[in-house]
Amino acid sequence: MTAHRIISWALLGAALALTPACSTFGGGDDAETEARSGSGLRLPSVPGFGGSQNEEVAGIGVNSFLWRASLDTISFMPLQEVDPFGGVIITDWYANPQLPSERFKATVYILDTRLRADALAVRVFRQEQGADGQWVDANVNPETAIEIENAILTRARQLRIATLEG
């Protein structure tokens, strides 16, 4: 992969990571949208420091079921960066012990506060170890990201059903 492509992917990833914090998908007049300030950010109020008792304390900025399901689904991979406010989970490289000459890395983007299929995007990266021991970027089957997304969505539905039954 050329340096230009790496920089392009990094910029795209940064833009996607910042997008959920700057907008609300689908509009609507739900309570969460009304509670947001003009800047699009919700800040926690600290009791005793000017915040009223009725102010909402900021939580994660994405759908909690998708967030938890994403962490559950990719829990076998080491985490490199986790941003619950921006909705981004980046794993470190993971090599299956049965195939150590190949490794994977994933980035999960949660793009909305609602539990919807289009609120989730997964990017998977793959490298193979060459004869000289250097890691080289390799193609990833496009179905891999879709399978991970489906596994996350299935787990998110299970989590939501469990809270409704409990």
N, C-alpha and C. Protein backbone atom coordinates (compact mmCIF):
# COMPACT_ATOMS: atom_id res chain seq x y z
N MET A 1 0.86 -1.17 0.00
CA MET A 1 0.00 0.00 0.00
C MET A 1 0.90 1.23 0.00
N THR A 2 0.61 2.18 -0.88
CA THR A 2 1.43 3.37 -0.97
C THR A 2 1.15 4.31 0.18
N ALA A 3 2.09 5.21 0.40
CA ALA A 3 1.92 6.19 1.48
C ALA A 3 0.69 7.06 1.23
N HIS A 4 0.42 7.36 -0.04
CA HIS A 4 -0.75 8.18 -0.38
C HIS A 4 -2.04 7.47 0.02
N ARG A 5 -2.13 6.16 -0.24
CA ARG A 5 -3.33 5.40 0.14
C ARG A 5 -3.48 5.31 1.64
N ILE A 6 -2.38 5.14 2.35
CA ILE A 6 -2.43 5.06 3.81
C ILE A 6 -2.94 6.38 4.39
N ILE A 7 -2.42 7.48 3.88
CA ILE A 7 -2.86 8.80 4.35
C ILE A 7 -4.34 9.00 4.01
N SER A 8 -4.75 8.59 2.81
CA SER A 8 -6.17 8.72 2.42
C SER A 8 -7.07 7.93 3.36
N TRP A 9 -6.68 6.70 3.67
CA TRP A 9 -7.49 5.88 4.58
C TRP A 9 -7.52 6.49 5.98
N ALA A 10 -6.39 7.02 6.43
CA ALA A 10 -6.34 7.64 7.75
C ALA A 10 -7.26 8.85 7.81
N LEU A 11 -7.26 9.67 6.76
CA LEU A 11 -8.13 10.83 6.73
C LEU A 11 -9.60 10.42 6.67
N LEU A 12 -9.91 9.40 5.90
CA LEU A 12 -11.28 8.90 5.83
C LEU A 12 -11.72 8.38 7.19
N GLY A 13 -10.86 7.62 7.85
CA GLY A 13 -11.18 7.11 9.18
C GLY A 13 -11.41 8.23 10.18
N ALA A 14 -10.57 9.26 10.11
CA ALA A 14 -10.73 10.40 11.03
C ALA A 14 -12.04 11.12 10.74
N ALA A 15 -12.38 11.28 9.46
CA ALA A 15 -13.63 11.96 9.12
C ALA A 15 -14.83 11.16 9.60
N LEU A 16 -14.79 9.85 9.41
CA LEU A 16 -15.89 9.01 9.89
C LEU A 16 -15.99 9.02 11.40
N ALA A 17 -14.85 9.06 12.07
CA ALA A 17 -14.86 9.06 13.53
C ALA A 17 -15.45 10.36 14.08
N LEU A 18 -15.24 11.46 13.39
CA LEU A 18 -15.74 12.74 13.86
C LEU A 18 -17.17 13.02 13.44
N THR A 19 -17.65 12.37 12.41
CA THR A 19 -18.99 12.63 11.89
C THR A 19 -20.09 12.42 12.93
N PRO A 20 -20.11 11.32 13.71
CA PRO A 20 -21.21 11.14 14.65
C PRO A 20 -21.28 12.23 15.71
N ALA A 21 -20.16 12.82 16.04
CA ALA A 21 -20.15 13.85 17.08
C ALA A 21 -20.67 15.17 16.55
N CYS A 22 -20.78 15.31 15.23
CA CYS A 22 -21.16 16.59 14.66
C CYS A 22 -22.58 16.63 14.12
N SER A 23 -23.27 15.51 14.06
CA SER A 23 -24.60 15.54 13.48
C SER A 23 -25.47 14.48 14.11
N THR A 24 -26.76 14.62 13.84
CA THR A 24 -27.73 13.63 14.27
C THR A 24 -28.34 13.04 13.01
N PHE A 25 -28.25 11.74 12.82
CA PHE A 25 -28.79 11.10 11.65
C PHE A 25 -30.30 10.99 11.77
N GLY A 26 -30.99 11.31 10.71
CA GLY A 26 -32.42 11.11 10.67
C GLY A 26 -33.23 12.21 11.30
N GLY A 27 -32.61 13.18 11.95
CA GLY A 27 -33.37 14.27 12.55
C GLY A 27 -34.30 13.78 13.62
N GLY A 28 -35.53 14.25 13.59
CA GLY A 28 -36.51 13.81 14.57
C GLY A 28 -36.53 14.75 15.76
N ASP A 29 -37.50 14.53 16.63
CA ASP A 29 -37.64 15.40 17.79
C ASP A 29 -37.61 14.59 19.07
N ASP A 30 -36.74 13.57 19.12
CA ASP A 30 -36.65 12.77 20.33
C ASP A 30 -35.98 13.56 21.44
N ALA A 31 -36.11 13.08 22.65
CA ALA A 31 -35.60 13.81 23.81
C ALA A 31 -34.10 14.02 23.74
N GLU A 32 -33.40 13.05 23.17
CA GLU A 32 -31.95 13.19 23.11
C GLU A 32 -31.56 14.34 22.20
N THR A 33 -32.24 14.47 21.07
CA THR A 33 -31.93 15.56 20.16
C THR A 33 -32.22 16.90 20.83
N GLU A 34 -33.32 16.99 21.55
CA GLU A 34 -33.67 18.22 22.23
C GLU A 34 -32.69 18.55 23.35
N ALA A 35 -32.09 17.54 23.96
CA ALA A 35 -31.17 17.76 25.08
C ALA A 35 -29.81 18.24 24.63
N ARG A 36 -29.52 18.10 23.35
CA ARG A 36 -28.20 18.51 22.86
C ARG A 36 -28.09 20.02 22.78
N SER A 37 -26.91 20.49 23.04
CA SER A 37 -26.66 21.92 22.93
C SER A 37 -26.43 22.28 21.48
N GLY A 38 -26.28 23.54 21.18
CA GLY A 38 -26.05 23.98 19.82
C GLY A 38 -24.76 23.43 19.24
N SER A 39 -23.79 23.09 20.07
CA SER A 39 -22.52 22.59 19.55
C SER A 39 -22.59 21.13 19.17
N GLY A 40 -23.67 20.43 19.53
CA GLY A 40 -23.78 19.02 19.22
C GLY A 40 -23.15 18.14 20.28
N LEU A 41 -22.62 18.73 21.34
CA LEU A 41 -21.98 17.95 22.39
C LEU A 41 -22.78 18.06 23.68
N ARG A 42 -22.82 16.97 24.44
CA ARG A 42 -23.44 17.00 25.76
C ARG A 42 -22.33 16.86 26.78
N LEU A 43 -22.27 17.79 27.69
CA LEU A 43 -21.23 17.75 28.70
C LEU A 43 -21.85 17.37 30.04
N PRO A 44 -21.11 16.62 30.86
CA PRO A 44 -21.66 16.25 32.16
C PRO A 44 -21.70 17.45 33.09
N SER A 45 -22.72 17.49 33.94
CA SER A 45 -22.75 18.53 34.96
C SER A 45 -22.16 17.94 36.23
N VAL A 46 -21.39 18.74 36.90
CA VAL A 46 -20.77 18.31 38.14
C VAL A 46 -21.55 18.95 39.28
N PRO A 47 -22.17 18.13 40.16
CA PRO A 47 -22.94 18.70 41.26
C PRO A 47 -22.08 19.66 42.07
N GLY A 48 -22.68 20.82 42.40
CA GLY A 48 -21.96 21.80 43.20
C GLY A 48 -21.13 22.77 42.38
N PHE A 49 -21.10 22.59 41.05
CA PHE A 49 -20.31 23.48 40.21
C PHE A 49 -21.18 24.13 39.14
N GLY A 50 -22.37 24.56 39.51
CA GLY A 50 -23.20 25.32 38.60
C GLY A 50 -24.18 24.51 37.79
N GLY A 51 -24.08 23.20 37.77
CA GLY A 51 -25.02 22.38 37.01
C GLY A 51 -26.27 22.15 37.83
N SER A 52 -27.42 22.19 37.14
CA SER A 52 -28.66 21.96 37.87
C SER A 52 -28.86 20.46 38.07
N GLN A 53 -29.69 20.10 39.01
CA GLN A 53 -29.95 18.69 39.31
C GLN A 53 -30.71 18.01 38.17
N ASN A 54 -31.37 18.78 37.30
CA ASN A 54 -32.18 18.21 36.24
C ASN A 54 -31.39 17.97 34.96
N GLU A 55 -30.14 18.42 34.89
CA GLU A 55 -29.35 18.25 33.68
C GLU A 55 -28.98 16.79 33.48
N GLU A 56 -28.98 16.38 32.21
CA GLU A 56 -28.63 15.01 31.87
C GLU A 56 -27.12 14.85 31.90
N VAL A 57 -26.64 13.81 32.54
CA VAL A 57 -25.21 13.53 32.58
C VAL A 57 -24.87 12.78 31.31
N ALA A 58 -23.80 13.19 30.67
CA ALA A 58 -23.40 12.58 29.40
C ALA A 58 -23.03 11.12 29.59
N GLY A 59 -23.46 10.29 28.67
CA GLY A 59 -23.09 8.88 28.63
C GLY A 59 -22.33 8.66 27.34
N ILE A 60 -22.30 7.40 26.89
CA ILE A 60 -21.65 7.16 25.61
C ILE A 60 -22.48 7.81 24.52
N GLY A 61 -21.86 8.25 23.47
CA GLY A 61 -22.54 8.99 22.41
C GLY A 61 -23.11 8.13 21.32
N VAL A 62 -23.23 6.83 21.56
CA VAL A 62 -23.72 5.91 20.53
C VAL A 62 -24.72 4.94 21.15
N ASN A 63 -25.30 4.10 20.33
CA ASN A 63 -26.25 3.11 20.83
C ASN A 63 -25.53 2.13 21.75
N SER A 64 -26.02 2.01 22.98
CA SER A 64 -25.32 1.18 23.97
C SER A 64 -25.35 -0.30 23.62
N PHE A 65 -26.42 -0.76 22.96
CA PHE A 65 -26.48 -2.17 22.58
C PHE A 65 -25.46 -2.48 21.49
N LEU A 66 -25.34 -1.59 20.50
CA LEU A 66 -24.33 -1.78 19.45
C LEU A 66 -22.92 -1.70 20.03
N TRP A 67 -22.73 -0.78 20.97
CA TRP A 67 -21.42 -0.62 21.59
C TRP A 67 -20.99 -1.90 22.32
N ARG A 68 -21.88 -2.38 23.20
CA ARG A 68 -21.57 -3.58 23.99
C ARG A 68 -21.41 -4.79 23.08
N ALA A 69 -22.29 -4.91 22.08
CA ALA A 69 -22.21 -6.04 21.15
C ALA A 69 -20.92 -6.01 20.34
N SER A 70 -20.47 -4.83 19.97
CA SER A 70 -19.21 -4.71 19.23
C SER A 70 -18.04 -5.18 20.08
N LEU A 71 -18.02 -4.72 21.34
CA LEU A 71 -16.94 -5.15 22.23
C LEU A 71 -17.00 -6.66 22.47
N ASP A 72 -18.20 -7.20 22.65
CA ASP A 72 -18.34 -8.65 22.85
C ASP A 72 -17.86 -9.43 21.63
N THR A 73 -18.23 -8.97 20.45
CA THR A 73 -17.94 -9.70 19.22
C THR A 73 -16.45 -9.73 18.89
N ILE A 74 -15.77 -8.63 19.12
CA ILE A 74 -14.34 -8.59 18.78
C ILE A 74 -13.46 -8.74 20.02
N SER A 75 -14.00 -9.28 21.08
CA SER A 75 -13.26 -9.40 22.34
C SER A 75 -12.03 -10.31 22.23
N PHE A 76 -11.97 -11.15 21.22
CA PHE A 76 -10.80 -12.03 21.06
C PHE A 76 -9.59 -11.28 20.50
N MET A 77 -9.82 -10.07 19.97
CA MET A 77 -8.74 -9.26 19.41
C MET A 77 -8.30 -8.22 20.45
N PRO A 78 -7.01 -7.93 20.53
CA PRO A 78 -6.56 -6.90 21.48
C PRO A 78 -7.04 -5.52 21.01
N LEU A 79 -7.47 -4.70 21.96
CA LEU A 79 -7.96 -3.37 21.62
C LEU A 79 -6.81 -2.38 21.60
N GLN A 80 -6.80 -1.52 20.59
CA GLN A 80 -5.78 -0.49 20.48
C GLN A 80 -6.34 0.86 20.93
N GLU A 81 -7.56 1.17 20.49
CA GLU A 81 -8.17 2.45 20.84
C GLU A 81 -9.67 2.26 20.95
N VAL A 82 -10.26 2.87 21.97
CA VAL A 82 -11.69 2.77 22.21
C VAL A 82 -12.22 4.16 22.51
N ASP A 83 -13.20 4.62 21.73
CA ASP A 83 -13.78 5.95 21.93
C ASP A 83 -15.30 5.83 21.98
N PRO A 84 -15.88 5.70 23.19
CA PRO A 84 -17.33 5.53 23.29
C PRO A 84 -18.12 6.79 22.93
N PHE A 85 -17.49 7.94 22.95
CA PHE A 85 -18.20 9.18 22.59
C PHE A 85 -18.25 9.35 21.08
N GLY A 86 -17.18 8.99 20.40
CA GLY A 86 -17.15 9.07 18.94
C GLY A 86 -17.64 7.80 18.28
N GLY A 87 -17.77 6.72 19.06
CA GLY A 87 -18.28 5.47 18.51
C GLY A 87 -17.28 4.70 17.67
N VAL A 88 -16.02 4.71 18.07
CA VAL A 88 -14.98 4.03 17.30
C VAL A 88 -14.24 3.02 18.18
N ILE A 89 -14.08 1.82 17.66
CA ILE A 89 -13.28 0.79 18.32
C ILE A 89 -12.24 0.34 17.30
N ILE A 90 -10.98 0.44 17.68
CA ILE A 90 -9.89 0.02 16.80
C ILE A 90 -9.13 -1.08 17.51
N THR A 91 -8.98 -2.21 16.85
CA THR A 91 -8.23 -3.31 17.44
C THR A 91 -6.77 -3.22 17.00
N ASP A 92 -5.94 -3.92 17.73
CA ASP A 92 -4.56 -4.09 17.32
C ASP A 92 -4.51 -5.32 16.42
N TRP A 93 -3.38 -5.61 15.84
CA TRP A 93 -3.25 -6.77 14.97
C TRP A 93 -3.47 -8.05 15.76
N TYR A 94 -4.19 -8.98 15.18
CA TYR A 94 -4.46 -10.29 15.80
C TYR A 94 -4.10 -11.37 14.80
N ALA A 95 -3.29 -12.32 15.26
CA ALA A 95 -2.93 -13.48 14.43
C ALA A 95 -3.53 -14.73 15.07
N ASN A 96 -4.26 -15.47 14.29
CA ASN A 96 -4.82 -16.74 14.74
C ASN A 96 -3.65 -17.68 15.04
N PRO A 97 -3.60 -18.28 16.22
CA PRO A 97 -2.48 -19.16 16.54
C PRO A 97 -2.32 -20.32 15.56
N GLN A 98 -3.41 -20.70 14.89
CA GLN A 98 -3.33 -21.80 13.92
C GLN A 98 -2.79 -21.35 12.57
N LEU A 99 -2.73 -20.04 12.34
CA LEU A 99 -2.21 -19.49 11.09
C LEU A 99 -1.42 -18.22 11.38
N PRO A 100 -0.23 -18.35 11.98
CA PRO A 100 0.53 -17.18 12.44
C PRO A 100 1.13 -16.33 11.31
N SER A 101 1.07 -16.77 10.07
CA SER A 101 1.63 -15.99 8.96
C SER A 101 0.62 -14.98 8.40
N GLU A 102 -0.51 -14.85 9.06
CA GLU A 102 -1.55 -13.93 8.61
C GLU A 102 -2.12 -13.23 9.84
N ARG A 103 -2.39 -11.94 9.72
CA ARG A 103 -2.96 -11.23 10.85
C ARG A 103 -4.03 -10.25 10.37
N PHE A 104 -4.94 -9.91 11.30
CA PHE A 104 -6.07 -9.06 10.99
C PHE A 104 -6.16 -7.91 11.98
N LYS A 105 -6.77 -6.84 11.53
CA LYS A 105 -7.05 -5.68 12.36
C LYS A 105 -8.42 -5.19 11.95
N ALA A 106 -9.21 -4.71 12.91
CA ALA A 106 -10.57 -4.25 12.59
C ALA A 106 -10.83 -2.89 13.20
N THR A 107 -11.66 -2.14 12.53
CA THR A 107 -12.16 -0.87 13.05
C THR A 107 -13.67 -0.92 12.96
N VAL A 108 -14.32 -0.65 14.08
CA VAL A 108 -15.78 -0.64 14.15
C VAL A 108 -16.23 0.80 14.36
N TYR A 109 -17.15 1.24 13.52
CA TYR A 109 -17.73 2.57 13.63
C TYR A 109 -19.20 2.43 13.99
N ILE A 110 -19.62 3.05 15.07
CA ILE A 110 -21.03 3.10 15.42
C ILE A 110 -21.46 4.53 15.13
N LEU A 111 -22.39 4.67 14.19
CA LEU A 111 -22.68 5.96 13.60
C LEU A 111 -23.96 6.63 14.09
N ASP A 112 -24.66 6.01 15.03
CA ASP A 112 -25.95 6.56 15.45
C ASP A 112 -26.26 6.12 16.87
N THR A 113 -27.24 6.77 17.46
CA THR A 113 -27.68 6.40 18.80
C THR A 113 -28.81 5.39 18.76
N ARG A 114 -29.32 5.10 17.56
CA ARG A 114 -30.41 4.15 17.42
C ARG A 114 -29.87 2.77 17.03
N LEU A 115 -30.60 1.74 17.42
CA LEU A 115 -30.22 0.37 17.08
C LEU A 115 -30.74 0.08 15.68
N ARG A 116 -29.87 0.30 14.70
CA ARG A 116 -30.21 0.12 13.29
C ARG A 116 -29.01 -0.49 12.58
N ALA A 117 -29.28 -1.24 11.53
CA ALA A 117 -28.20 -1.87 10.78
C ALA A 117 -27.28 -0.84 10.12
N ASP A 118 -27.86 0.28 9.66
CA ASP A 118 -27.03 1.28 9.00
C ASP A 118 -26.29 2.18 9.98
N ALA A 119 -26.42 1.90 11.26
CA ALA A 119 -25.68 2.64 12.28
C ALA A 119 -24.35 1.99 12.60
N LEU A 120 -23.97 0.99 11.81
CA LEU A 120 -22.77 0.21 12.10
C LEU A 120 -21.96 0.04 10.82
N ALA A 121 -20.66 0.22 10.93
CA ALA A 121 -19.75 -0.03 9.81
C ALA A 121 -18.48 -0.68 10.36
N VAL A 122 -18.03 -1.71 9.68
CA VAL A 122 -16.83 -2.43 10.09
C VAL A 122 -15.85 -2.43 8.93
N ARG A 123 -14.61 -2.14 9.22
CA ARG A 123 -13.53 -2.22 8.24
C ARG A 123 -12.52 -3.24 8.76
N VAL A 124 -12.11 -4.14 7.88
CA VAL A 124 -11.16 -5.19 8.26
C VAL A 124 -9.92 -5.04 7.39
N PHE A 125 -8.77 -5.16 8.02
CA PHE A 125 -7.48 -5.08 7.33
C PHE A 125 -6.74 -6.39 7.55
N ARG A 126 -5.99 -6.81 6.55
CA ARG A 126 -5.30 -8.10 6.62
C ARG A 126 -3.87 -7.93 6.11
N GLN A 127 -2.96 -8.62 6.77
CA GLN A 127 -1.58 -8.65 6.32
C GLN A 127 -1.07 -10.08 6.33
N GLU A 128 -0.14 -10.35 5.42
CA GLU A 128 0.51 -11.66 5.36
C GLU A 128 2.00 -11.45 5.59
N GLN A 129 2.61 -12.43 6.23
CA GLN A 129 4.04 -12.34 6.50
C GLN A 129 4.80 -12.93 5.32
N GLY A 130 5.68 -12.11 4.75
CA GLY A 130 6.48 -12.55 3.63
C GLY A 130 7.63 -13.44 4.07
N ALA A 131 8.34 -13.96 3.10
CA ALA A 131 9.48 -14.83 3.38
C ALA A 131 10.57 -14.11 4.16
N ASP A 132 10.65 -12.80 3.98
CA ASP A 132 11.67 -12.01 4.69
C ASP A 132 11.22 -11.61 6.10
N GLY A 133 10.01 -12.04 6.52
CA GLY A 133 9.51 -11.74 7.86
C GLY A 133 8.74 -10.43 7.96
N GLN A 134 8.70 -9.67 6.87
CA GLN A 134 7.98 -8.40 6.84
C GLN A 134 6.49 -8.63 6.58
N TRP A 135 5.65 -7.82 7.22
CA TRP A 135 4.21 -7.90 7.00
C TRP A 135 3.83 -7.07 5.79
N VAL A 136 3.02 -7.66 4.92
CA VAL A 136 2.60 -7.01 3.68
C VAL A 136 1.08 -6.98 3.64
N ASP A 137 0.51 -5.84 3.27
CA ASP A 137 -0.94 -5.72 3.17
C ASP A 137 -1.48 -6.72 2.14
N ALA A 138 -2.62 -7.29 2.45
CA ALA A 138 -3.24 -8.28 1.58
C ALA A 138 -4.73 -7.96 1.45
N ASN A 139 -5.33 -8.51 0.41
CA ASN A 139 -6.77 -8.31 0.20
C ASN A 139 -7.58 -9.02 1.26
N VAL A 140 -8.72 -8.42 1.59
CA VAL A 140 -9.65 -9.00 2.54
C VAL A 140 -10.92 -9.36 1.78
N ASN A 141 -11.45 -10.53 2.05
CA ASN A 141 -12.72 -10.91 1.45
C ASN A 141 -13.78 -9.91 1.93
N PRO A 142 -14.50 -9.26 1.01
CA PRO A 142 -15.50 -8.26 1.42
C PRO A 142 -16.58 -8.84 2.34
N GLU A 143 -16.81 -10.12 2.28
CA GLU A 143 -17.82 -10.76 3.13
C GLU A 143 -17.40 -10.78 4.61
N THR A 144 -16.11 -10.66 4.87
CA THR A 144 -15.61 -10.71 6.25
C THR A 144 -16.21 -9.58 7.08
N ALA A 145 -16.17 -8.35 6.57
CA ALA A 145 -16.72 -7.21 7.30
C ALA A 145 -18.23 -7.37 7.48
N ILE A 146 -18.91 -7.88 6.46
CA ILE A 146 -20.36 -8.09 6.54
C ILE A 146 -20.70 -9.13 7.60
N GLU A 147 -19.91 -10.20 7.66
CA GLU A 147 -20.14 -11.24 8.67
C GLU A 147 -19.94 -10.69 10.08
N ILE A 148 -18.94 -9.86 10.27
CA ILE A 148 -18.71 -9.25 11.59
C ILE A 148 -19.85 -8.30 11.93
N GLU A 149 -20.28 -7.49 10.97
CA GLU A 149 -21.42 -6.60 11.21
C GLU A 149 -22.66 -7.40 11.60
N ASN A 150 -22.92 -8.49 10.89
CA ASN A 150 -24.10 -9.32 11.21
C ASN A 150 -23.99 -9.93 12.60
N ALA A 151 -22.79 -10.36 12.98
CA ALA A 151 -22.59 -10.92 14.32
C ALA A 151 -22.83 -9.86 15.39
N ILE A 152 -22.37 -8.63 15.14
CA ILE A 152 -22.58 -7.54 16.10
C ILE A 152 -24.07 -7.22 16.20
N LEU A 153 -24.75 -7.14 15.07
CA LEU A 153 -26.19 -6.84 15.09
C LEU A 153 -26.99 -7.93 15.80
N THR A 154 -26.61 -9.17 15.58
CA THR A 154 -27.29 -10.28 16.26
C THR A 154 -27.10 -10.17 17.76
N ARG A 155 -25.87 -9.91 18.17
CA ARG A 155 -25.59 -9.78 19.61
C ARG A 155 -26.32 -8.57 20.21
N ALA A 156 -26.39 -7.46 19.47
CA ALA A 156 -27.09 -6.27 19.95
C ALA A 156 -28.57 -6.56 20.15
N ARG A 157 -29.17 -7.30 19.23
CA ARG A 157 -30.58 -7.68 19.38
C ARG A 157 -30.76 -8.56 20.61
N GLN A 158 -29.84 -9.50 20.84
CA GLN A 158 -29.92 -10.36 22.02
C GLN A 158 -29.84 -9.52 23.30
N LEU A 159 -28.94 -8.56 23.34
CA LEU A 159 -28.80 -7.70 24.51
C LEU A 159 -30.07 -6.88 24.76
N ARG A 160 -30.64 -6.36 23.68
CA ARG A 160 -31.86 -5.55 23.82
C ARG A 160 -33.02 -6.41 24.30
N ILE A 161 -33.18 -7.60 23.75
CA ILE A 161 -34.26 -8.50 24.18
C ILE A 161 -34.09 -8.86 25.65
N ALA A 162 -32.84 -9.10 26.06
CA ALA A 162 -32.58 -9.45 27.46
C ALA A 162 -33.00 -8.33 28.40
N THR A 163 -32.81 -7.07 27.99
CA THR A 163 -33.23 -5.97 28.87
C THR A 163 -34.75 -5.81 28.89
N LEU A 164 -35.42 -6.14 27.80
CA LEU A 164 -36.87 -6.06 27.77
C LEU A 164 -37.52 -7.14 28.61
N GLU A 165 -36.89 -8.31 28.64
CA GLU A 165 -37.43 -9.44 29.41
C GLU A 165 -37.11 -9.30 30.88
N GLY A 166 -36.00 -8.64 31.19
CA GLY A 166 -35.54 -8.55 32.58
C GLY A 166 -36.19 -7.49 33.32
